[in-house]
Amino acid sequence: MLKKITPLFFLFFFCPTFSNAQKGSLDKTFKYFLEEGHLSFCQPKGYFGVDSVQNYDPSPIYLQSLLLYSIKKNKNDIIIAFSLIKVRKPNELLKKMFPKSEEINDLMPYLVTEADSSVSIPIKIDDTNLKKLNADNGYIYNMKIIYPYLEKYTYCKKLLIHKDNFYRAEVLYFYTKKEIDNVDGIIQETSKMLQFKN
């Protein structure tokens, strides 16, 4: 029987205390993509930037986009990583892969390829919470992990938010077995740290 992800997004009303990430502390590449994607980022209090790998593929089946920035809190064993991707008009190859142009805004291929349906089913973010993130579409789901992140983190939940014809933002919560019962709470506390600007 599938284990359902606890619906987290009704708790978006919870407003955690954030500290604005200081200008000098964010990676320049991450800042560039934040600006390009019209995204705002507030680093949660108690979290600090950590060195991690940008190129990471969790499975031989699909490629993960570059991880531009990662943060961690001393109190837990969860790394939060960020990937920001510009949605581009399809070139000839993409037109062959996605004959309908609106499919560049379809998140279903990501869910089918990445989501670990043996653990849980993807949860669509409801319209109320999408509005709070200024996003057009979004999901949260368990990712298939075959190759542990940093050879340690064997689990991952991904928060995916999308602005049609413009940008996609991914927040990846990598965690160990001992954090299985804590990761949903961390997602609740940090769910508003990255959002599209109006």
N, C-alpha and C. Protein backbone atom coordinates (compact mmCIF):
# COMPACT_ATOMS: atom_id res chain seq x y z
N MET A 1 0.85 -1.19 0.00
CA MET A 1 0.00 0.00 0.00
C MET A 1 0.88 1.24 0.00
N LEU A 2 0.50 2.23 -0.79
CA LEU A 2 1.30 3.43 -0.89
C LEU A 2 1.19 4.26 0.37
N LYS A 3 2.32 4.76 0.79
CA LYS A 3 2.32 5.65 1.94
C LYS A 3 2.12 7.06 1.42
N LYS A 4 1.10 7.74 1.90
CA LYS A 4 0.81 9.08 1.38
C LYS A 4 1.68 10.11 2.08
N ILE A 5 2.08 11.13 1.31
CA ILE A 5 2.78 12.26 1.90
C ILE A 5 1.74 13.06 2.68
N THR A 6 2.07 13.46 3.87
CA THR A 6 1.15 14.29 4.63
C THR A 6 0.92 15.58 3.86
N PRO A 7 -0.34 15.96 3.62
CA PRO A 7 -0.57 17.21 2.90
C PRO A 7 0.03 18.37 3.68
N LEU A 8 1.04 18.99 3.09
CA LEU A 8 1.79 20.02 3.78
C LEU A 8 1.31 21.42 3.49
N PHE A 9 0.64 21.58 2.39
CA PHE A 9 0.46 22.94 1.90
C PHE A 9 -0.66 23.70 2.56
N PHE A 10 -1.50 23.02 3.34
CA PHE A 10 -2.50 23.77 4.09
C PHE A 10 -1.80 24.53 5.21
N LEU A 11 -0.58 24.17 5.51
CA LEU A 11 0.17 24.83 6.56
C LEU A 11 1.02 25.99 6.06
N PHE A 12 0.79 26.42 4.83
CA PHE A 12 1.52 27.57 4.32
C PHE A 12 1.19 28.82 5.12
N PHE A 13 0.09 28.78 5.86
CA PHE A 13 -0.25 29.93 6.68
C PHE A 13 0.77 30.13 7.78
N PHE A 14 1.44 29.05 8.15
CA PHE A 14 2.50 29.14 9.14
C PHE A 14 3.60 30.03 8.61
N CYS A 15 3.96 31.04 9.36
CA CYS A 15 4.93 32.02 8.85
C CYS A 15 6.20 31.94 9.69
N PRO A 16 7.21 31.21 9.23
CA PRO A 16 8.44 31.08 10.00
C PRO A 16 9.24 32.37 9.97
N THR A 17 10.16 32.49 10.91
CA THR A 17 11.03 33.65 10.95
C THR A 17 12.20 33.41 10.00
N PHE A 18 12.37 34.33 9.08
CA PHE A 18 13.45 34.21 8.11
C PHE A 18 14.45 35.32 8.33
N SER A 19 15.68 35.06 7.98
CA SER A 19 16.68 36.12 7.91
C SER A 19 17.01 36.30 6.44
N ASN A 20 17.04 37.52 5.98
CA ASN A 20 17.40 37.73 4.59
C ASN A 20 18.82 37.26 4.38
N ALA A 21 19.01 36.48 3.34
CA ALA A 21 20.35 36.00 3.03
C ALA A 21 21.19 37.21 2.67
N GLN A 22 22.30 37.38 3.34
CA GLN A 22 23.13 38.55 3.11
C GLN A 22 23.73 38.50 1.73
N LYS A 23 23.84 39.69 1.12
CA LYS A 23 24.27 39.76 -0.27
C LYS A 23 25.57 39.01 -0.52
N GLY A 24 26.53 39.12 0.36
CA GLY A 24 27.82 38.50 0.13
C GLY A 24 27.82 37.00 0.37
N SER A 25 26.80 36.48 1.04
CA SER A 25 26.84 35.07 1.44
C SER A 25 26.28 34.12 0.38
N LEU A 26 25.52 34.63 -0.58
CA LEU A 26 24.95 33.77 -1.60
C LEU A 26 25.92 33.62 -2.76
N ASP A 27 25.94 32.43 -3.31
CA ASP A 27 26.75 32.15 -4.48
C ASP A 27 26.32 33.07 -5.63
N LYS A 28 27.30 33.61 -6.37
CA LYS A 28 26.99 34.54 -7.46
C LYS A 28 26.12 33.90 -8.54
N THR A 29 26.38 32.65 -8.84
CA THR A 29 25.58 31.96 -9.87
C THR A 29 24.14 31.82 -9.41
N PHE A 30 23.94 31.46 -8.15
CA PHE A 30 22.60 31.33 -7.59
C PHE A 30 21.88 32.68 -7.64
N LYS A 31 22.58 33.75 -7.26
CA LYS A 31 21.98 35.09 -7.30
C LYS A 31 21.59 35.47 -8.72
N TYR A 32 22.44 35.12 -9.68
CA TYR A 32 22.13 35.42 -11.08
C TYR A 32 20.82 34.76 -11.51
N PHE A 33 20.68 33.48 -11.19
CA PHE A 33 19.48 32.75 -11.58
C PHE A 33 18.24 33.25 -10.82
N LEU A 34 18.42 33.67 -9.57
CA LEU A 34 17.30 34.25 -8.83
C LEU A 34 16.80 35.51 -9.53
N GLU A 35 17.73 36.36 -9.93
CA GLU A 35 17.36 37.59 -10.62
C GLU A 35 16.74 37.30 -11.98
N GLU A 36 17.34 36.37 -12.73
CA GLU A 36 16.82 36.04 -14.06
C GLU A 36 15.40 35.47 -13.96
N GLY A 37 15.14 34.69 -12.93
CA GLY A 37 13.84 34.06 -12.77
C GLY A 37 12.84 34.87 -11.98
N HIS A 38 13.21 36.10 -11.61
CA HIS A 38 12.33 36.97 -10.80
C HIS A 38 11.86 36.22 -9.56
N LEU A 39 12.83 35.63 -8.87
CA LEU A 39 12.56 34.87 -7.66
C LEU A 39 13.12 35.58 -6.44
N SER A 40 12.42 35.50 -5.34
CA SER A 40 12.95 36.03 -4.08
C SER A 40 13.33 34.85 -3.19
N PHE A 41 14.41 35.02 -2.45
CA PHE A 41 14.89 33.96 -1.57
C PHE A 41 15.25 34.56 -0.22
N CYS A 42 14.70 33.98 0.83
CA CYS A 42 15.03 34.36 2.20
C CYS A 42 15.55 33.12 2.91
N GLN A 43 16.80 33.18 3.31
CA GLN A 43 17.39 32.02 3.97
C GLN A 43 16.84 31.91 5.38
N PRO A 44 16.29 30.75 5.76
CA PRO A 44 15.72 30.61 7.10
C PRO A 44 16.78 30.78 8.19
N LYS A 45 16.35 31.32 9.31
CA LYS A 45 17.26 31.51 10.44
C LYS A 45 17.83 30.18 10.89
N GLY A 46 19.10 30.19 11.24
CA GLY A 46 19.76 28.99 11.73
C GLY A 46 20.35 28.13 10.64
N TYR A 47 20.09 28.47 9.37
CA TYR A 47 20.65 27.72 8.24
C TYR A 47 21.87 28.44 7.70
N PHE A 48 22.79 27.67 7.16
CA PHE A 48 24.01 28.23 6.59
C PHE A 48 24.31 27.53 5.27
N GLY A 49 24.99 28.24 4.38
CA GLY A 49 25.37 27.65 3.10
C GLY A 49 26.41 26.56 3.28
N VAL A 50 26.28 25.49 2.53
CA VAL A 50 27.24 24.39 2.62
C VAL A 50 27.81 24.07 1.24
N ASP A 51 29.03 23.58 1.23
CA ASP A 51 29.63 23.12 -0.02
C ASP A 51 28.97 21.79 -0.40
N SER A 52 28.58 21.71 -1.63
CA SER A 52 28.01 20.46 -2.13
C SER A 52 28.28 20.38 -3.62
N VAL A 53 27.89 19.28 -4.22
CA VAL A 53 28.16 19.11 -5.64
C VAL A 53 27.05 19.73 -6.47
N GLN A 54 27.42 20.36 -7.58
CA GLN A 54 26.41 20.92 -8.48
C GLN A 54 25.86 19.84 -9.40
N ASN A 55 26.75 18.97 -9.88
CA ASN A 55 26.33 17.91 -10.80
C ASN A 55 25.98 16.67 -10.00
N TYR A 56 24.70 16.38 -9.96
CA TYR A 56 24.25 15.20 -9.23
C TYR A 56 23.11 14.56 -10.00
N ASP A 57 23.24 13.28 -10.28
CA ASP A 57 22.18 12.53 -10.93
C ASP A 57 21.74 11.41 -9.98
N PRO A 58 20.51 11.49 -9.49
CA PRO A 58 20.05 10.51 -8.51
C PRO A 58 19.79 9.13 -9.08
N SER A 59 19.71 9.04 -10.41
CA SER A 59 19.32 7.79 -11.04
C SER A 59 19.86 7.76 -12.46
N PRO A 60 20.10 6.58 -13.01
CA PRO A 60 20.53 6.52 -14.41
C PRO A 60 19.40 6.85 -15.39
N ILE A 61 18.18 6.92 -14.87
CA ILE A 61 17.01 7.13 -15.73
C ILE A 61 16.83 8.58 -16.13
N TYR A 62 17.20 9.52 -15.26
CA TYR A 62 17.00 10.93 -15.59
C TYR A 62 18.13 11.77 -15.02
N LEU A 63 18.26 12.98 -15.57
CA LEU A 63 19.30 13.90 -15.16
C LEU A 63 18.69 15.00 -14.30
N GLN A 64 19.30 15.26 -13.17
CA GLN A 64 18.88 16.36 -12.31
C GLN A 64 19.57 17.64 -12.80
N SER A 65 18.83 18.74 -12.82
CA SER A 65 19.43 20.03 -13.18
C SER A 65 20.48 20.41 -12.14
N LEU A 66 21.36 21.33 -12.51
CA LEU A 66 22.43 21.75 -11.61
C LEU A 66 21.88 22.23 -10.27
N LEU A 67 22.52 21.83 -9.20
CA LEU A 67 22.17 22.30 -7.86
C LEU A 67 23.01 23.55 -7.61
N LEU A 68 22.36 24.70 -7.57
CA LEU A 68 23.07 25.97 -7.55
C LEU A 68 23.50 26.42 -6.16
N TYR A 69 22.79 25.99 -5.14
CA TYR A 69 23.07 26.46 -3.78
C TYR A 69 22.48 25.44 -2.81
N SER A 70 23.13 25.25 -1.67
CA SER A 70 22.64 24.30 -0.66
C SER A 70 22.78 24.91 0.72
N ILE A 71 21.82 24.59 1.58
CA ILE A 71 21.86 25.07 2.96
C ILE A 71 21.59 23.91 3.91
N LYS A 72 22.00 24.12 5.17
CA LYS A 72 21.83 23.09 6.19
C LYS A 72 21.71 23.76 7.55
N LYS A 73 21.09 23.05 8.47
CA LYS A 73 20.99 23.49 9.85
C LYS A 73 21.76 22.52 10.72
N ASN A 74 22.48 23.02 11.72
CA ASN A 74 23.27 22.13 12.58
C ASN A 74 22.42 21.08 13.29
N LYS A 75 21.16 21.42 13.59
CA LYS A 75 20.32 20.56 14.42
C LYS A 75 19.78 19.33 13.70
N ASN A 76 19.89 19.28 12.38
CA ASN A 76 19.34 18.12 11.69
C ASN A 76 20.29 17.63 10.60
N ASP A 77 19.93 16.55 9.99
CA ASP A 77 20.76 15.95 8.94
C ASP A 77 19.99 16.02 7.61
N ILE A 78 19.58 17.23 7.28
CA ILE A 78 18.85 17.50 6.04
C ILE A 78 19.58 18.60 5.28
N ILE A 79 19.87 18.35 4.02
CA ILE A 79 20.43 19.40 3.16
C ILE A 79 19.35 19.84 2.19
N ILE A 80 19.17 21.16 2.10
CA ILE A 80 18.20 21.73 1.17
C ILE A 80 18.98 22.33 0.01
N ALA A 81 18.70 21.83 -1.19
CA ALA A 81 19.41 22.29 -2.39
C ALA A 81 18.42 22.93 -3.36
N PHE A 82 18.94 23.84 -4.19
CA PHE A 82 18.09 24.61 -5.09
C PHE A 82 18.56 24.49 -6.53
N SER A 83 17.58 24.32 -7.40
CA SER A 83 17.84 24.26 -8.84
C SER A 83 16.85 25.19 -9.52
N LEU A 84 17.34 26.09 -10.38
CA LEU A 84 16.49 27.06 -11.06
C LEU A 84 16.71 26.91 -12.56
N ILE A 85 15.62 26.79 -13.31
CA ILE A 85 15.73 26.47 -14.74
C ILE A 85 14.83 27.39 -15.56
N LYS A 86 15.41 28.02 -16.55
CA LYS A 86 14.63 28.86 -17.45
C LYS A 86 13.86 27.97 -18.42
N VAL A 87 12.56 28.26 -18.58
CA VAL A 87 11.73 27.53 -19.53
C VAL A 87 11.93 28.20 -20.89
N ARG A 88 12.40 27.42 -21.84
CA ARG A 88 12.72 27.99 -23.16
C ARG A 88 11.72 27.51 -24.20
N LYS A 89 11.57 28.34 -25.22
CA LYS A 89 10.76 27.92 -26.36
C LYS A 89 11.44 26.72 -26.98
N PRO A 90 10.67 25.73 -27.39
CA PRO A 90 11.30 24.50 -27.89
C PRO A 90 12.05 24.70 -29.20
N ASN A 91 13.25 24.14 -29.26
CA ASN A 91 13.98 24.10 -30.52
C ASN A 91 13.45 22.91 -31.34
N GLU A 92 14.06 22.63 -32.46
CA GLU A 92 13.55 21.57 -33.34
C GLU A 92 13.49 20.21 -32.64
N LEU A 93 14.53 19.91 -31.85
CA LEU A 93 14.55 18.64 -31.14
C LEU A 93 13.40 18.56 -30.13
N LEU A 94 13.22 19.66 -29.36
CA LEU A 94 12.15 19.66 -28.37
C LEU A 94 10.77 19.61 -29.02
N LYS A 95 10.66 20.25 -30.19
CA LYS A 95 9.38 20.20 -30.90
C LYS A 95 9.03 18.77 -31.29
N LYS A 96 10.06 17.99 -31.62
CA LYS A 96 9.81 16.59 -31.94
C LYS A 96 9.44 15.81 -30.68
N MET A 97 10.09 16.16 -29.57
CA MET A 97 9.80 15.47 -28.32
C MET A 97 8.45 15.90 -27.73
N PHE A 98 8.13 17.19 -27.86
CA PHE A 98 6.90 17.75 -27.32
C PHE A 98 6.17 18.49 -28.44
N PRO A 99 5.39 17.80 -29.23
CA PRO A 99 4.75 18.41 -30.40
C PRO A 99 3.87 19.62 -30.07
N LYS A 100 3.22 19.61 -28.92
CA LYS A 100 2.38 20.76 -28.55
C LYS A 100 3.22 21.71 -27.72
N SER A 101 3.26 22.97 -28.14
CA SER A 101 4.14 23.93 -27.47
C SER A 101 3.78 24.11 -26.00
N GLU A 102 2.48 23.98 -25.66
CA GLU A 102 2.10 24.18 -24.27
C GLU A 102 2.67 23.11 -23.36
N GLU A 103 3.19 22.03 -23.95
CA GLU A 103 3.74 20.96 -23.13
C GLU A 103 5.03 21.38 -22.42
N ILE A 104 5.62 22.50 -22.83
CA ILE A 104 6.80 22.97 -22.08
C ILE A 104 6.39 23.39 -20.67
N ASN A 105 5.10 23.58 -20.45
CA ASN A 105 4.60 23.94 -19.13
C ASN A 105 3.99 22.74 -18.40
N ASP A 106 4.06 21.58 -19.01
CA ASP A 106 3.50 20.37 -18.43
C ASP A 106 4.52 19.72 -17.50
N LEU A 107 4.18 19.60 -16.24
CA LEU A 107 5.10 19.01 -15.26
C LEU A 107 4.99 17.49 -15.18
N MET A 108 4.02 16.94 -15.84
CA MET A 108 3.78 15.50 -15.75
C MET A 108 5.00 14.64 -16.15
N PRO A 109 5.75 15.01 -17.21
CA PRO A 109 6.94 14.19 -17.52
C PRO A 109 7.94 14.10 -16.37
N TYR A 110 8.08 15.18 -15.59
CA TYR A 110 8.98 15.15 -14.44
C TYR A 110 8.44 14.19 -13.38
N LEU A 111 7.13 14.26 -13.16
CA LEU A 111 6.54 13.41 -12.13
C LEU A 111 6.65 11.94 -12.50
N VAL A 112 6.37 11.63 -13.76
CA VAL A 112 6.42 10.23 -14.21
C VAL A 112 7.84 9.69 -14.09
N THR A 113 8.82 10.51 -14.45
CA THR A 113 10.21 10.06 -14.46
C THR A 113 10.84 10.08 -13.08
N GLU A 114 10.57 11.12 -12.30
CA GLU A 114 11.30 11.33 -11.05
C GLU A 114 10.61 10.81 -9.80
N ALA A 115 9.29 10.85 -9.77
CA ALA A 115 8.58 10.53 -8.53
C ALA A 115 8.67 9.04 -8.20
N ASP A 116 8.90 8.78 -6.94
CA ASP A 116 8.95 7.39 -6.47
C ASP A 116 7.55 6.99 -6.02
N SER A 117 6.78 6.45 -6.94
CA SER A 117 5.38 6.11 -6.66
C SER A 117 5.25 4.89 -5.75
N SER A 118 6.36 4.20 -5.49
CA SER A 118 6.30 3.09 -4.55
C SER A 118 6.24 3.59 -3.11
N VAL A 119 6.64 4.84 -2.91
CA VAL A 119 6.63 5.44 -1.57
C VAL A 119 5.39 6.29 -1.37
N SER A 120 5.05 7.11 -2.35
CA SER A 120 3.92 8.02 -2.22
C SER A 120 3.51 8.54 -3.59
N ILE A 121 2.36 9.16 -3.62
CA ILE A 121 1.92 9.77 -4.87
C ILE A 121 2.24 11.27 -4.82
N PRO A 122 2.56 11.89 -5.96
CA PRO A 122 2.82 13.34 -5.96
C PRO A 122 1.58 14.11 -5.51
N ILE A 123 1.81 15.18 -4.79
CA ILE A 123 0.72 16.04 -4.33
C ILE A 123 0.80 17.36 -5.08
N LYS A 124 -0.30 17.72 -5.73
CA LYS A 124 -0.37 19.00 -6.45
C LYS A 124 -0.58 20.10 -5.42
N ILE A 125 0.15 21.18 -5.58
CA ILE A 125 -0.04 22.33 -4.70
C ILE A 125 -1.35 23.01 -5.10
N ASP A 126 -2.18 23.28 -4.12
CA ASP A 126 -3.49 23.87 -4.42
C ASP A 126 -3.35 25.33 -4.86
N ASP A 127 -4.40 25.84 -5.50
CA ASP A 127 -4.37 27.18 -6.08
C ASP A 127 -4.09 28.28 -5.06
N THR A 128 -4.61 28.14 -3.86
CA THR A 128 -4.39 29.15 -2.82
C THR A 128 -2.90 29.28 -2.51
N ASN A 129 -2.24 28.16 -2.34
CA ASN A 129 -0.82 28.19 -2.01
C ASN A 129 0.06 28.53 -3.21
N LEU A 130 -0.39 28.14 -4.41
CA LEU A 130 0.34 28.57 -5.61
C LEU A 130 0.34 30.09 -5.71
N LYS A 131 -0.79 30.68 -5.38
CA LYS A 131 -0.90 32.14 -5.43
C LYS A 131 0.08 32.80 -4.46
N LYS A 132 0.25 32.19 -3.28
CA LYS A 132 1.19 32.74 -2.30
C LYS A 132 2.62 32.67 -2.81
N LEU A 133 2.90 31.67 -3.65
CA LEU A 133 4.24 31.53 -4.23
C LEU A 133 4.36 32.22 -5.58
N ASN A 134 3.26 32.84 -6.04
CA ASN A 134 3.19 33.49 -7.35
C ASN A 134 3.56 32.53 -8.47
N ALA A 135 3.14 31.28 -8.31
CA ALA A 135 3.45 30.24 -9.30
C ALA A 135 2.17 29.80 -10.01
N ASP A 136 2.33 29.22 -11.19
CA ASP A 136 1.18 28.73 -11.96
C ASP A 136 0.90 27.25 -11.71
N ASN A 137 1.91 26.52 -11.28
CA ASN A 137 1.76 25.09 -11.09
C ASN A 137 2.81 24.62 -10.11
N GLY A 138 2.57 23.50 -9.47
CA GLY A 138 3.57 22.98 -8.54
C GLY A 138 3.16 21.66 -7.92
N TYR A 139 4.18 20.92 -7.50
CA TYR A 139 3.98 19.61 -6.87
C TYR A 139 5.03 19.40 -5.80
N ILE A 140 4.73 18.47 -4.92
CA ILE A 140 5.74 17.95 -4.00
C ILE A 140 5.67 16.43 -4.10
N TYR A 141 6.85 15.81 -4.13
CA TYR A 141 6.88 14.35 -4.28
C TYR A 141 8.21 13.79 -3.80
N ASN A 142 8.18 12.48 -3.50
CA ASN A 142 9.41 11.76 -3.18
C ASN A 142 10.13 11.46 -4.48
N MET A 143 11.42 11.71 -4.52
CA MET A 143 12.21 11.40 -5.71
C MET A 143 12.80 10.00 -5.62
N LYS A 144 12.95 9.39 -6.80
CA LYS A 144 13.67 8.11 -6.85
C LYS A 144 15.15 8.40 -6.65
N ILE A 145 15.73 7.74 -5.69
CA ILE A 145 17.16 7.90 -5.42
C ILE A 145 17.84 6.54 -5.54
N ILE A 146 18.71 6.42 -6.50
CA ILE A 146 19.52 5.21 -6.64
C ILE A 146 20.94 5.49 -6.16
N TYR A 147 21.47 6.65 -6.53
CA TYR A 147 22.80 7.06 -6.09
C TYR A 147 22.65 8.09 -4.97
N PRO A 148 23.00 7.74 -3.74
CA PRO A 148 22.81 8.68 -2.63
C PRO A 148 23.55 10.00 -2.86
N TYR A 149 22.89 11.08 -2.50
CA TYR A 149 23.49 12.41 -2.62
C TYR A 149 24.64 12.52 -1.62
N LEU A 150 25.80 12.96 -2.09
CA LEU A 150 27.03 13.06 -1.29
C LEU A 150 27.37 11.72 -0.64
N GLU A 151 26.92 10.63 -1.27
CA GLU A 151 27.15 9.26 -0.81
C GLU A 151 26.60 9.02 0.60
N LYS A 152 25.62 9.82 0.99
CA LYS A 152 25.08 9.72 2.34
C LYS A 152 23.55 9.81 2.37
N TYR A 153 23.00 10.75 1.61
CA TYR A 153 21.57 11.05 1.69
C TYR A 153 20.80 10.19 0.70
N THR A 154 20.07 9.23 1.25
CA THR A 154 19.40 8.23 0.42
C THR A 154 17.92 8.56 0.15
N TYR A 155 17.45 9.65 0.70
CA TYR A 155 16.06 10.06 0.51
C TYR A 155 16.01 11.51 0.04
N CYS A 156 14.95 11.84 -0.72
CA CYS A 156 14.78 13.22 -1.17
C CYS A 156 13.31 13.49 -1.46
N LYS A 157 12.85 14.63 -0.97
CA LYS A 157 11.54 15.15 -1.37
C LYS A 157 11.79 16.42 -2.17
N LYS A 158 11.07 16.55 -3.27
CA LYS A 158 11.26 17.71 -4.13
C LYS A 158 9.99 18.57 -4.16
N LEU A 159 10.19 19.87 -3.95
CA LEU A 159 9.14 20.86 -4.11
C LEU A 159 9.41 21.54 -5.44
N LEU A 160 8.48 21.42 -6.36
CA LEU A 160 8.65 21.93 -7.73
C LEU A 160 7.60 23.01 -7.96
N ILE A 161 8.05 24.24 -8.28
CA ILE A 161 7.11 25.31 -8.62
C ILE A 161 7.46 25.85 -10.00
N HIS A 162 6.43 26.26 -10.73
CA HIS A 162 6.60 26.57 -12.15
C HIS A 162 5.83 27.83 -12.51
N LYS A 163 6.49 28.70 -13.28
CA LYS A 163 5.84 29.90 -13.85
C LYS A 163 5.76 29.66 -15.34
N ASP A 164 4.54 29.59 -15.87
CA ASP A 164 4.34 29.22 -17.27
C ASP A 164 5.17 30.05 -18.23
N ASN A 165 5.77 29.36 -19.19
CA ASN A 165 6.57 29.98 -20.27
C ASN A 165 7.74 30.81 -19.75
N PHE A 166 8.14 30.59 -18.49
CA PHE A 166 9.18 31.46 -17.95
C PHE A 166 10.24 30.71 -17.13
N TYR A 167 9.86 30.16 -16.00
CA TYR A 167 10.87 29.60 -15.10
C TYR A 167 10.30 28.46 -14.26
N ARG A 168 11.21 27.58 -13.84
CA ARG A 168 10.88 26.49 -12.94
C ARG A 168 11.88 26.50 -11.79
N ALA A 169 11.40 26.35 -10.58
CA ALA A 169 12.26 26.30 -9.40
C ALA A 169 12.05 24.99 -8.67
N GLU A 170 13.16 24.38 -8.27
CA GLU A 170 13.11 23.10 -7.56
C GLU A 170 13.83 23.26 -6.23
N VAL A 171 13.17 22.83 -5.17
CA VAL A 171 13.78 22.79 -3.84
C VAL A 171 13.85 21.33 -3.45
N LEU A 172 15.07 20.84 -3.27
CA LEU A 172 15.28 19.41 -2.97
C LEU A 172 15.70 19.25 -1.51
N TYR A 173 14.96 18.43 -0.79
CA TYR A 173 15.24 18.15 0.62
C TYR A 173 15.88 16.76 0.71
N PHE A 174 17.20 16.73 0.78
CA PHE A 174 17.93 15.47 0.91
C PHE A 174 18.03 15.12 2.40
N TYR A 175 17.74 13.87 2.74
CA TYR A 175 17.77 13.51 4.15
C TYR A 175 18.15 12.04 4.33
N THR A 176 18.50 11.72 5.57
CA THR A 176 18.88 10.35 5.92
C THR A 176 17.69 9.66 6.59
N LYS A 177 17.83 8.38 6.81
CA LYS A 177 16.73 7.58 7.39
C LYS A 177 16.29 8.12 8.74
N LYS A 178 17.24 8.65 9.52
CA LYS A 178 16.87 9.13 10.86
C LYS A 178 16.00 10.38 10.82
N GLU A 179 15.93 11.04 9.65
CA GLU A 179 15.13 12.26 9.53
C GLU A 179 13.78 12.03 8.85
N ILE A 180 13.42 10.77 8.61
CA ILE A 180 12.16 10.47 7.91
C ILE A 180 10.97 11.14 8.61
N ASP A 181 10.95 11.11 9.92
CA ASP A 181 9.81 11.67 10.67
C ASP A 181 9.89 13.19 10.81
N ASN A 182 11.02 13.79 10.45
CA ASN A 182 11.21 15.23 10.65
C ASN A 182 11.13 16.05 9.37
N VAL A 183 11.30 15.41 8.22
CA VAL A 183 11.44 16.17 6.98
C VAL A 183 10.18 16.96 6.63
N ASP A 184 8.99 16.41 6.89
CA ASP A 184 7.77 17.15 6.57
C ASP A 184 7.67 18.45 7.37
N GLY A 185 8.10 18.40 8.62
CA GLY A 185 8.10 19.61 9.45
C GLY A 185 9.06 20.66 8.92
N ILE A 186 10.23 20.21 8.44
CA ILE A 186 11.21 21.14 7.86
C ILE A 186 10.64 21.76 6.58
N ILE A 187 9.95 20.97 5.78
CA ILE A 187 9.34 21.51 4.56
C ILE A 187 8.29 22.57 4.93
N GLN A 188 7.49 22.29 5.94
CA GLN A 188 6.49 23.26 6.39
C GLN A 188 7.15 24.56 6.82
N GLU A 189 8.24 24.45 7.55
CA GLU A 189 8.92 25.64 8.08
C GLU A 189 9.59 26.47 6.99
N THR A 190 9.99 25.83 5.91
CA THR A 190 10.80 26.52 4.90
C THR A 190 10.09 26.69 3.55
N SER A 191 8.83 26.32 3.48
CA SER A 191 8.13 26.27 2.18
C SER A 191 8.01 27.62 1.48
N LYS A 192 8.13 28.71 2.23
CA LYS A 192 7.97 30.03 1.61
C LYS A 192 9.29 30.74 1.37
N MET A 193 10.41 30.05 1.57
CA MET A 193 11.71 30.75 1.44
C MET A 193 12.04 31.12 0.00
N LEU A 194 11.46 30.38 -0.98
CA LEU A 194 11.72 30.64 -2.38
C LEU A 194 10.39 30.79 -3.09
N GLN A 195 10.19 31.96 -3.71
CA GLN A 195 8.95 32.19 -4.43
C GLN A 195 9.16 33.19 -5.55
N PHE A 196 8.27 33.14 -6.51
CA PHE A 196 8.32 34.09 -7.61
C PHE A 196 7.83 35.45 -7.13
N LYS A 197 8.45 36.50 -7.68
CA LYS A 197 7.99 37.86 -7.39
C LYS A 197 6.74 38.12 -8.23
N ASN A 198 5.97 39.09 -7.84
CA ASN A 198 4.76 39.44 -8.62
C ASN A 198 5.11 39.86 -10.03
